[in-house]
Amino acid sequence: MSNRVRCEDGVTDTQCGHANGGQVTSLGPEIIQELLVNSHEAKKFAYCPYSKFRVGAALLTHDGKVYLGCNIENACYTLGTCAERTAIQKAVSEGYKEFKAIAVATDVESDFISPCGACRQVMREFGQELEIILTKSDGTYIIKTLHQMLPMSFGPEKLEIK
């Protein structure tokens, strides 16, 4: 897997800032590569006998621990769980609530697949600046913040009574 970034304008660059419209990521290239590899590895464990749509996620906590998740389908379709929420729930169940980044991998080669609305809202519970790395099987990726992907979001601070 390479360290290439394919920008939305089709330009390939190794600088993350280019893919983010000039926004520089706080992640180093080694960390990004580790998350990319781990997200593709997690995808291998997906349980998706109905859709055949494998998804893997690698979630980085603020202290450097990585939690993997895969999508888990159910015959009662609405009870399935996305890879991103699986990783978050694993981390939270072990006491982590501060996350730095999450990489998401699928088998789709033609486009970057982003987290669904439900996953974005679950991510939002833990902050707006989470860096989301969207990757393809060829190793190309783009990075967006959760705030970019879920603007004007509803979060825990909205429930504070003043």
N, C-alpha and C. Protein backbone atom coordinates (compact mmCIF):
# COMPACT_ATOMS: atom_id res chain seq x y z
N MET A 1 0.84 -1.17 0.00
CA MET A 1 0.00 0.00 0.00
C MET A 1 0.89 1.24 0.00
N SER A 2 0.60 2.16 -0.85
CA SER A 2 1.43 3.35 -0.99
C SER A 2 0.95 4.46 -0.06
N ASN A 3 1.68 5.53 -0.06
CA ASN A 3 1.36 6.70 0.76
C ASN A 3 0.79 7.81 -0.11
N ARG A 4 0.05 7.48 -1.15
CA ARG A 4 -0.44 8.47 -2.09
C ARG A 4 -1.77 9.06 -1.64
N VAL A 5 -1.96 10.30 -1.97
CA VAL A 5 -3.22 10.98 -1.72
C VAL A 5 -3.79 11.32 -3.09
N ARG A 6 -4.98 10.92 -3.37
CA ARG A 6 -5.63 11.35 -4.60
C ARG A 6 -6.64 12.41 -4.21
N CYS A 7 -6.39 13.60 -4.67
CA CYS A 7 -7.26 14.72 -4.34
C CYS A 7 -8.53 14.67 -5.18
N GLU A 8 -9.52 15.41 -4.73
CA GLU A 8 -10.79 15.43 -5.45
C GLU A 8 -10.64 15.97 -6.86
N ASP A 9 -9.59 16.77 -7.13
CA ASP A 9 -9.40 17.30 -8.47
C ASP A 9 -8.60 16.36 -9.35
N GLY A 10 -8.32 15.14 -8.83
CA GLY A 10 -7.62 14.13 -9.61
C GLY A 10 -6.12 14.17 -9.50
N VAL A 11 -5.57 15.20 -8.85
CA VAL A 11 -4.13 15.33 -8.69
C VAL A 11 -3.67 14.36 -7.62
N THR A 12 -2.56 13.70 -7.86
CA THR A 12 -1.99 12.81 -6.85
C THR A 12 -0.82 13.53 -6.20
N ASP A 13 -0.78 13.50 -4.89
CA ASP A 13 0.22 14.24 -4.13
C ASP A 13 0.53 13.44 -2.87
N THR A 14 1.70 13.65 -2.30
CA THR A 14 2.03 12.98 -1.05
C THR A 14 1.81 13.88 0.15
N GLN A 15 1.41 15.12 -0.08
CA GLN A 15 1.16 16.04 1.02
C GLN A 15 -0.31 16.00 1.41
N CYS A 16 -0.58 15.62 2.63
CA CYS A 16 -1.97 15.52 3.10
C CYS A 16 -2.70 16.85 2.97
N GLY A 17 -2.00 17.97 3.17
CA GLY A 17 -2.64 19.27 3.09
C GLY A 17 -3.30 19.52 1.74
N HIS A 18 -2.71 18.98 0.68
CA HIS A 18 -3.29 19.17 -0.65
C HIS A 18 -4.66 18.51 -0.74
N ALA A 19 -4.78 17.30 -0.21
CA ALA A 19 -6.05 16.58 -0.28
C ALA A 19 -7.10 17.19 0.62
N ASN A 20 -6.69 17.97 1.57
CA ASN A 20 -7.62 18.55 2.52
C ASN A 20 -7.90 20.02 2.24
N GLY A 21 -7.69 20.44 1.03
CA GLY A 21 -7.93 21.83 0.71
C GLY A 21 -7.02 22.76 1.48
N GLY A 22 -5.79 22.31 1.71
CA GLY A 22 -4.83 23.14 2.43
C GLY A 22 -4.79 22.87 3.92
N GLN A 23 -5.75 22.12 4.44
CA GLN A 23 -5.75 21.81 5.86
C GLN A 23 -4.71 20.74 6.12
N VAL A 24 -3.78 21.01 7.00
CA VAL A 24 -2.72 20.06 7.29
C VAL A 24 -3.18 19.13 8.39
N THR A 25 -2.95 17.85 8.20
CA THR A 25 -3.35 16.86 9.18
C THR A 25 -2.38 16.86 10.36
N SER A 26 -2.85 16.47 11.52
CA SER A 26 -1.99 16.36 12.69
C SER A 26 -1.33 14.99 12.75
N LEU A 27 -1.64 14.14 11.79
CA LEU A 27 -1.12 12.78 11.77
C LEU A 27 0.14 12.70 10.92
N GLY A 28 1.12 11.98 11.39
CA GLY A 28 2.32 11.75 10.60
C GLY A 28 2.08 10.67 9.56
N PRO A 29 2.92 10.61 8.53
CA PRO A 29 2.72 9.61 7.47
C PRO A 29 2.77 8.17 7.98
N GLU A 30 3.58 7.91 9.00
CA GLU A 30 3.67 6.55 9.54
C GLU A 30 2.36 6.15 10.21
N ILE A 31 1.76 7.09 10.95
CA ILE A 31 0.49 6.81 11.62
C ILE A 31 -0.61 6.60 10.58
N ILE A 32 -0.64 7.45 9.56
CA ILE A 32 -1.64 7.28 8.51
C ILE A 32 -1.50 5.91 7.86
N GLN A 33 -0.28 5.54 7.53
CA GLN A 33 -0.04 4.24 6.89
C GLN A 33 -0.49 3.09 7.79
N GLU A 34 -0.19 3.20 9.09
CA GLU A 34 -0.61 2.15 10.04
C GLU A 34 -2.13 2.03 10.07
N LEU A 35 -2.82 3.15 10.10
CA LEU A 35 -4.28 3.12 10.12
C LEU A 35 -4.85 2.56 8.82
N LEU A 36 -4.25 2.92 7.70
CA LEU A 36 -4.71 2.39 6.41
C LEU A 36 -4.57 0.87 6.37
N VAL A 37 -3.40 0.39 6.73
CA VAL A 37 -3.17 -1.06 6.72
C VAL A 37 -4.13 -1.76 7.68
N ASN A 38 -4.30 -1.21 8.88
CA ASN A 38 -5.18 -1.82 9.87
C ASN A 38 -6.64 -1.82 9.43
N SER A 39 -7.08 -0.75 8.77
CA SER A 39 -8.48 -0.72 8.31
C SER A 39 -8.72 -1.77 7.24
N HIS A 40 -7.76 -1.98 6.36
CA HIS A 40 -7.91 -3.02 5.34
C HIS A 40 -7.83 -4.42 5.97
N GLU A 41 -7.02 -4.55 7.01
CA GLU A 41 -6.94 -5.83 7.72
C GLU A 41 -8.27 -6.12 8.43
N ALA A 42 -8.84 -5.13 9.07
CA ALA A 42 -10.11 -5.30 9.79
C ALA A 42 -11.23 -5.72 8.83
N LYS A 43 -11.16 -5.23 7.61
CA LYS A 43 -12.17 -5.55 6.59
C LYS A 43 -12.26 -7.06 6.35
N LYS A 44 -11.16 -7.78 6.54
CA LYS A 44 -11.13 -9.23 6.32
C LYS A 44 -12.06 -9.98 7.27
N PHE A 45 -12.38 -9.36 8.41
CA PHE A 45 -13.22 -10.02 9.41
C PHE A 45 -14.70 -9.66 9.27
N ALA A 46 -15.04 -8.86 8.29
CA ALA A 46 -16.43 -8.44 8.10
C ALA A 46 -17.35 -9.64 7.97
N TYR A 47 -18.48 -9.55 8.63
CA TYR A 47 -19.52 -10.57 8.52
C TYR A 47 -20.65 -9.93 7.70
N CYS A 48 -20.65 -10.21 6.41
CA CYS A 48 -21.60 -9.55 5.51
C CYS A 48 -22.15 -10.55 4.48
N PRO A 49 -22.81 -11.61 4.97
CA PRO A 49 -23.31 -12.64 4.04
C PRO A 49 -24.44 -12.15 3.14
N TYR A 50 -25.08 -11.04 3.46
CA TYR A 50 -26.23 -10.56 2.68
C TYR A 50 -25.82 -9.53 1.65
N SER A 51 -25.09 -8.52 2.07
CA SER A 51 -24.70 -7.45 1.14
C SER A 51 -23.39 -7.76 0.41
N LYS A 52 -22.53 -8.57 1.01
CA LYS A 52 -21.19 -8.84 0.49
C LYS A 52 -20.34 -7.56 0.44
N PHE A 53 -20.75 -6.52 1.17
CA PHE A 53 -20.06 -5.23 1.19
C PHE A 53 -19.21 -5.15 2.45
N ARG A 54 -17.91 -5.45 2.30
CA ARG A 54 -17.01 -5.46 3.45
C ARG A 54 -16.52 -4.06 3.79
N VAL A 55 -16.50 -3.77 5.10
CA VAL A 55 -15.98 -2.49 5.58
C VAL A 55 -15.10 -2.77 6.79
N GLY A 56 -13.97 -2.09 6.84
CA GLY A 56 -13.08 -2.17 7.99
C GLY A 56 -12.77 -0.78 8.49
N ALA A 57 -12.52 -0.67 9.79
CA ALA A 57 -12.18 0.63 10.39
C ALA A 57 -11.06 0.44 11.39
N ALA A 58 -10.21 1.45 11.48
CA ALA A 58 -9.14 1.49 12.48
C ALA A 58 -9.23 2.84 13.17
N LEU A 59 -9.52 2.82 14.47
CA LEU A 59 -9.75 4.01 15.27
C LEU A 59 -8.54 4.27 16.16
N LEU A 60 -8.00 5.48 16.09
CA LEU A 60 -6.84 5.88 16.87
C LEU A 60 -7.27 6.72 18.06
N THR A 61 -6.92 6.29 19.27
CA THR A 61 -7.21 7.09 20.46
C THR A 61 -6.14 8.17 20.60
N HIS A 62 -6.40 9.15 21.47
CA HIS A 62 -5.43 10.24 21.66
C HIS A 62 -4.12 9.74 22.25
N ASP A 63 -4.14 8.61 22.95
CA ASP A 63 -2.88 8.12 23.51
C ASP A 63 -2.21 7.06 22.63
N GLY A 64 -2.70 6.88 21.39
CA GLY A 64 -2.01 6.03 20.44
C GLY A 64 -2.51 4.60 20.30
N LYS A 65 -3.50 4.21 21.05
CA LYS A 65 -4.04 2.85 20.92
C LYS A 65 -4.96 2.79 19.70
N VAL A 66 -4.93 1.66 18.98
CA VAL A 66 -5.75 1.49 17.79
C VAL A 66 -6.77 0.38 18.03
N TYR A 67 -8.03 0.69 17.74
CA TYR A 67 -9.11 -0.29 17.84
C TYR A 67 -9.64 -0.56 16.44
N LEU A 68 -9.79 -1.84 16.13
CA LEU A 68 -10.31 -2.25 14.83
C LEU A 68 -11.78 -2.58 14.92
N GLY A 69 -12.46 -2.40 13.80
CA GLY A 69 -13.87 -2.76 13.72
C GLY A 69 -14.20 -3.20 12.30
N CYS A 70 -15.20 -4.04 12.18
CA CYS A 70 -15.69 -4.46 10.87
C CYS A 70 -17.21 -4.40 10.91
N ASN A 71 -17.82 -4.39 9.73
CA ASN A 71 -19.28 -4.41 9.72
C ASN A 71 -19.76 -5.81 10.05
N ILE A 72 -20.89 -5.87 10.75
CA ILE A 72 -21.47 -7.13 11.19
C ILE A 72 -22.95 -7.09 10.84
N GLU A 73 -23.33 -7.88 9.84
CA GLU A 73 -24.72 -7.89 9.40
C GLU A 73 -25.54 -8.88 10.21
N ASN A 74 -26.85 -8.78 10.04
CA ASN A 74 -27.78 -9.65 10.74
C ASN A 74 -28.93 -9.95 9.78
N ALA A 75 -29.51 -11.13 9.91
CA ALA A 75 -30.65 -11.49 9.05
C ALA A 75 -31.78 -10.48 9.21
N CYS A 76 -31.92 -9.91 10.39
CA CYS A 76 -32.84 -8.79 10.60
C CYS A 76 -32.03 -7.54 10.27
N TYR A 77 -32.07 -7.10 9.03
CA TYR A 77 -31.16 -6.10 8.50
C TYR A 77 -30.90 -4.90 9.40
N THR A 78 -31.90 -4.39 10.06
CA THR A 78 -31.71 -3.18 10.86
C THR A 78 -30.83 -3.39 12.09
N LEU A 79 -30.54 -4.63 12.43
CA LEU A 79 -29.70 -4.91 13.60
C LEU A 79 -28.22 -5.00 13.28
N GLY A 80 -27.85 -4.79 12.03
CA GLY A 80 -26.44 -4.81 11.66
C GLY A 80 -25.71 -3.62 12.26
N THR A 81 -24.39 -3.73 12.32
CA THR A 81 -23.55 -2.66 12.88
C THR A 81 -22.43 -2.34 11.90
N CYS A 82 -22.20 -1.06 11.70
CA CYS A 82 -21.14 -0.62 10.80
C CYS A 82 -19.77 -0.79 11.46
N ALA A 83 -18.74 -0.86 10.63
CA ALA A 83 -17.36 -1.02 11.12
C ALA A 83 -16.94 0.12 12.04
N GLU A 84 -17.31 1.35 11.66
CA GLU A 84 -16.91 2.51 12.45
C GLU A 84 -17.51 2.45 13.85
N ARG A 85 -18.79 2.10 13.93
CA ARG A 85 -19.43 2.02 15.25
C ARG A 85 -18.89 0.84 16.04
N THR A 86 -18.55 -0.25 15.39
CA THR A 86 -17.95 -1.38 16.09
C THR A 86 -16.64 -0.96 16.75
N ALA A 87 -15.78 -0.26 16.01
CA ALA A 87 -14.50 0.19 16.57
C ALA A 87 -14.72 1.16 17.73
N ILE A 88 -15.63 2.09 17.56
CA ILE A 88 -15.91 3.07 18.63
C ILE A 88 -16.45 2.38 19.87
N GLN A 89 -17.38 1.46 19.69
CA GLN A 89 -17.96 0.76 20.83
C GLN A 89 -16.92 -0.09 21.55
N LYS A 90 -16.02 -0.71 20.81
CA LYS A 90 -14.93 -1.47 21.45
C LYS A 90 -14.07 -0.54 22.30
N ALA A 91 -13.71 0.60 21.75
CA ALA A 91 -12.85 1.54 22.47
C ALA A 91 -13.55 2.11 23.71
N VAL A 92 -14.79 2.52 23.55
CA VAL A 92 -15.54 3.08 24.68
C VAL A 92 -15.73 2.03 25.77
N SER A 93 -15.96 0.78 25.37
CA SER A 93 -16.16 -0.28 26.36
C SER A 93 -14.90 -0.56 27.16
N GLU A 94 -13.76 -0.07 26.68
CA GLU A 94 -12.50 -0.22 27.41
C GLU A 94 -12.04 1.10 28.03
N GLY A 95 -12.94 2.09 28.08
CA GLY A 95 -12.66 3.32 28.80
C GLY A 95 -12.17 4.50 27.97
N TYR A 96 -12.06 4.36 26.66
CA TYR A 96 -11.58 5.46 25.82
C TYR A 96 -12.75 6.29 25.29
N LYS A 97 -12.58 7.60 25.36
CA LYS A 97 -13.61 8.51 24.85
C LYS A 97 -13.03 9.67 24.07
N GLU A 98 -11.72 9.66 23.88
CA GLU A 98 -11.05 10.71 23.11
C GLU A 98 -10.33 10.08 21.94
N PHE A 99 -10.74 10.48 20.74
CA PHE A 99 -10.21 9.86 19.53
C PHE A 99 -9.57 10.90 18.63
N LYS A 100 -8.54 10.47 17.93
CA LYS A 100 -7.79 11.37 17.06
C LYS A 100 -8.15 11.16 15.60
N ALA A 101 -8.27 9.90 15.17
CA ALA A 101 -8.52 9.61 13.75
C ALA A 101 -9.17 8.24 13.59
N ILE A 102 -9.81 8.08 12.45
CA ILE A 102 -10.36 6.78 12.08
C ILE A 102 -10.16 6.61 10.58
N ALA A 103 -9.68 5.43 10.18
CA ALA A 103 -9.53 5.10 8.76
C ALA A 103 -10.64 4.12 8.41
N VAL A 104 -11.22 4.31 7.23
CA VAL A 104 -12.34 3.47 6.77
C VAL A 104 -11.98 2.88 5.42
N ALA A 105 -12.08 1.55 5.30
CA ALA A 105 -11.73 0.86 4.06
C ALA A 105 -12.88 0.00 3.57
N THR A 106 -13.08 -0.02 2.25
CA THR A 106 -14.04 -0.91 1.61
C THR A 106 -13.35 -1.56 0.42
N ASP A 107 -14.09 -2.37 -0.33
CA ASP A 107 -13.56 -2.96 -1.54
C ASP A 107 -13.87 -2.13 -2.78
N VAL A 108 -14.56 -1.02 -2.61
CA VAL A 108 -14.91 -0.16 -3.74
C VAL A 108 -13.63 0.49 -4.26
N GLU A 109 -13.35 0.32 -5.54
CA GLU A 109 -12.13 0.86 -6.12
C GLU A 109 -12.34 2.19 -6.83
N SER A 110 -13.57 2.50 -7.20
CA SER A 110 -13.82 3.67 -8.04
C SER A 110 -14.06 4.96 -7.26
N ASP A 111 -14.28 4.87 -5.95
CA ASP A 111 -14.62 6.07 -5.20
C ASP A 111 -14.26 5.88 -3.73
N PHE A 112 -14.11 6.99 -3.03
CA PHE A 112 -13.89 6.95 -1.59
C PHE A 112 -15.27 6.85 -0.94
N ILE A 113 -15.46 5.86 -0.09
CA ILE A 113 -16.74 5.66 0.59
C ILE A 113 -16.64 6.29 1.97
N SER A 114 -17.62 7.12 2.30
CA SER A 114 -17.59 7.81 3.59
C SER A 114 -18.54 7.14 4.59
N PRO A 115 -18.33 7.40 5.87
CA PRO A 115 -19.21 6.83 6.90
C PRO A 115 -20.66 7.27 6.69
N CYS A 116 -21.59 6.40 7.04
CA CYS A 116 -23.01 6.72 6.93
C CYS A 116 -23.38 7.79 7.97
N GLY A 117 -24.57 8.31 7.87
CA GLY A 117 -25.02 9.35 8.79
C GLY A 117 -25.04 8.89 10.24
N ALA A 118 -25.47 7.66 10.47
CA ALA A 118 -25.50 7.15 11.85
C ALA A 118 -24.09 7.09 12.44
N CYS A 119 -23.13 6.64 11.64
CA CYS A 119 -21.75 6.58 12.14
C CYS A 119 -21.20 7.97 12.40
N ARG A 120 -21.50 8.90 11.53
CA ARG A 120 -21.04 10.28 11.73
C ARG A 120 -21.59 10.84 13.04
N GLN A 121 -22.85 10.56 13.32
CA GLN A 121 -23.45 11.07 14.55
C GLN A 121 -22.84 10.40 15.78
N VAL A 122 -22.54 9.11 15.70
CA VAL A 122 -21.88 8.43 16.83
C VAL A 122 -20.48 9.02 17.03
N MET A 123 -19.77 9.26 15.95
CA MET A 123 -18.45 9.89 16.05
C MET A 123 -18.57 11.27 16.71
N ARG A 124 -19.61 12.00 16.36
CA ARG A 124 -19.83 13.36 16.86
C ARG A 124 -19.98 13.40 18.37
N GLU A 125 -20.47 12.34 18.94
CA GLU A 125 -20.62 12.26 20.39
C GLU A 125 -19.30 12.53 21.10
N PHE A 126 -18.19 12.25 20.41
CA PHE A 126 -16.87 12.35 21.02
C PHE A 126 -16.04 13.50 20.47
N GLY A 127 -16.66 14.44 19.77
CA GLY A 127 -15.97 15.63 19.28
C GLY A 127 -16.15 15.85 17.80
N GLN A 128 -15.74 17.04 17.35
CA GLN A 128 -15.93 17.41 15.95
C GLN A 128 -14.65 17.35 15.12
N GLU A 129 -13.51 17.26 15.75
CA GLU A 129 -12.24 17.36 15.02
C GLU A 129 -11.61 16.02 14.69
N LEU A 130 -12.33 14.94 14.87
CA LEU A 130 -11.83 13.62 14.49
C LEU A 130 -11.43 13.65 13.02
N GLU A 131 -10.24 13.15 12.70
CA GLU A 131 -9.80 13.09 11.31
C GLU A 131 -10.26 11.75 10.73
N ILE A 132 -10.95 11.82 9.61
CA ILE A 132 -11.50 10.63 8.96
C ILE A 132 -10.71 10.38 7.69
N ILE A 133 -10.06 9.23 7.64
CA ILE A 133 -9.24 8.86 6.50
C ILE A 133 -10.05 7.88 5.65
N LEU A 134 -10.40 8.30 4.45
CA LEU A 134 -11.15 7.46 3.53
C LEU A 134 -10.16 6.86 2.54
N THR A 135 -10.16 5.54 2.42
CA THR A 135 -9.14 4.88 1.63
C THR A 135 -9.73 3.91 0.63
N LYS A 136 -8.96 3.64 -0.39
CA LYS A 136 -9.31 2.63 -1.39
C LYS A 136 -8.30 1.49 -1.28
N SER A 137 -8.60 0.39 -1.94
CA SER A 137 -7.72 -0.78 -1.86
C SER A 137 -6.36 -0.53 -2.49
N ASP A 138 -6.23 0.46 -3.37
CA ASP A 138 -4.93 0.75 -3.99
C ASP A 138 -4.03 1.62 -3.11
N GLY A 139 -4.52 1.99 -1.93
CA GLY A 139 -3.72 2.77 -0.99
C GLY A 139 -3.93 4.27 -1.07
N THR A 140 -4.69 4.75 -2.03
CA THR A 140 -4.96 6.18 -2.08
C THR A 140 -5.93 6.53 -0.97
N TYR A 141 -5.87 7.77 -0.52
CA TYR A 141 -6.74 8.18 0.56
C TYR A 141 -6.95 9.69 0.54
N ILE A 142 -8.00 10.10 1.22
CA ILE A 142 -8.24 11.51 1.49
C ILE A 142 -8.55 11.62 2.98
N ILE A 143 -8.33 12.80 3.53
CA ILE A 143 -8.60 13.02 4.95
C ILE A 143 -9.55 14.20 5.08
N LYS A 144 -10.59 14.01 5.87
CA LYS A 144 -11.54 15.07 6.19
C LYS A 144 -11.74 15.06 7.70
N THR A 145 -12.09 16.22 8.26
CA THR A 145 -12.47 16.22 9.67
C THR A 145 -13.95 15.88 9.75
N LEU A 146 -14.37 15.43 10.90
CA LEU A 146 -15.78 15.14 11.10
C LEU A 146 -16.60 16.41 10.91
N HIS A 147 -16.07 17.54 11.35
CA HIS A 147 -16.79 18.81 11.17
C HIS A 147 -17.05 19.09 9.68
N GLN A 148 -16.10 18.76 8.82
CA GLN A 148 -16.30 18.95 7.38
C GLN A 148 -17.39 18.01 6.85
N MET A 149 -17.46 16.82 7.41
CA MET A 149 -18.42 15.82 6.92
C MET A 149 -19.78 15.91 7.59
N LEU A 150 -19.86 16.62 8.72
CA LEU A 150 -21.11 16.75 9.45
C LEU A 150 -21.22 18.17 10.01
N PRO A 151 -21.36 19.16 9.12
CA PRO A 151 -21.43 20.55 9.59
C PRO A 151 -22.74 20.80 10.33
N MET A 152 -22.72 21.82 11.18
CA MET A 152 -23.91 22.20 11.96
C MET A 152 -24.49 21.01 12.72
N SER A 153 -23.61 20.24 13.31
CA SER A 153 -24.04 19.00 13.95
C SER A 153 -24.61 19.22 15.36
N PHE A 154 -25.31 18.20 15.84
CA PHE A 154 -25.86 18.19 17.18
C PHE A 154 -24.97 17.32 18.04
N GLY A 155 -24.50 17.87 19.16
CA GLY A 155 -23.61 17.13 20.05
C GLY A 155 -23.99 17.31 21.50
N PRO A 156 -23.25 16.66 22.39
CA PRO A 156 -23.56 16.69 23.82
C PRO A 156 -23.66 18.08 24.42
N GLU A 157 -22.85 19.01 23.91
CA GLU A 157 -22.88 20.37 24.48
C GLU A 157 -24.21 21.07 24.24
N LYS A 158 -24.98 20.62 23.28
CA LYS A 158 -26.31 21.21 23.00
C LYS A 158 -27.30 20.84 24.10
N LEU A 159 -27.01 19.84 24.87
CA LEU A 159 -27.91 19.39 25.94
C LEU A 159 -27.62 20.09 27.27
N GLU A 160 -26.57 20.90 27.31
CA GLU A 160 -26.24 21.62 28.53
C GLU A 160 -27.28 22.69 28.79
N ILE A 161 -27.82 22.68 29.99
CA ILE A 161 -28.82 23.68 30.38
C ILE A 161 -28.08 24.88 30.94
N LYS A 162 -28.42 26.06 30.42
CA LYS A 162 -27.73 27.28 30.85
C LYS A 162 -28.63 28.14 31.68
